[in-house]
Amino acid sequence: VSFRQLREEVLGELSNVEQAAGIRWNRFPDLNRLLKGHRKGELTVFTGPTGSGKTTFISEYALDLCTQGVNTLWGSFEISNVRLARVMLTQFAVGRLEEQLDRYDEWADRFEDLPLYFMTFHGQQSIRTVIDTMQHAVYVYDICHVVIDNLQFMMGHEQLSTDRIAAQDYIVGAFRKFATDNSCHVTLVIHPRKEDDDKELQTASIFGSAKASQEADNVLILQDRKLVTGPGKRYLQVSKNRFDGDVGVFPLEFNKSSLTFSIPPKSKARLKKVKDDNGLVTKKPSSGRKGAVPQNSETCLGQAHHSNQPNPSKPS
């Protein structure tokens, strides 16, 4: 093919930038800033430490798109569909429904109207069976987004060899091919390899060979620093973005009552920072390293203050 055949398509992408970028998230504006949107035919690899909330985050990530009309198929091999649906319904209602059961039918009716489907698999499954199911769902329900949680539950059934790395490469390749051939976005959750808790995960931390990160269009890492720096220190890192190359990190704040992740308000963070800075200036500096800055600041402020005062010994 020459550029003559591609010319009109290139013009179409240039003149419809928003449409080419895909569907934008309502709940994650920072994700829009980096990834620009959710596009068909791409493969997203998502990873994070055990217990960091991968399933909970990816549930809200997919629900956000589903509420905007993106037909979604969930393949949850780790937790049952009933528990997953309960989490998603809580996120949809943005509150605990067990405390307001009289409104359950109201929320359930609205949730039922979403273009959301669940695979009936649980536990170890063959990749061929899963791909066939996905193919059927795309044909019958016009699925545009498939979530697989997670890849490790398909590796036990592969009889290619005893080499788990080769088995994983085959599975990743199968999902890559499916996404491209069916113009369907596949989000694949992969556990990271075991590393020290005090180290942040990198793209190379994804279990297996480099094929997963090479084949992926997007790589998302849920960084959980609560084991080192205290509770609530979670960040989402976009470490690969094939669409336009933008990568970066933004904070996530977990709301336990609604099981949702939201961006901390900037105004709140800014006010807190200003308050802390003022507190450092007025407080007595400590002998530690942190106290050195306020001490200097106080001295400078004092000098500036005295320099503006008239000197009684000199004529005005």
Foldseek 3Di string as FASTA:
>chain_A
DDVVVVVVVVVVCVVCVLVQLEADFPFCVVCCVFSVYDFFLFEEEEEEAPPLCRLLAVLVVVLRVQVVPQQEEEEAQADAPVVSVLLNLLLQVVFHCVVPVVCVVVSVVVVVPTNYYYDRHYAADALVVVLVVVVVCCVPSVHAEYEHHADVSHQVPDPPDPDSLVSSLVSLVSVSVSRNVSRHYYYHYFYFDDDDLQDWDDLCRGPHDNSNVVSGQWYKYWTDNCVPPNPFFIKIWTRHHNPPGGTDIAGWGADVRSSYTHHPDPVVVVVVVVVVVVVLLPDQFDPDPVSPVSVVVNVVVVVVVVVPDDDVVDDD
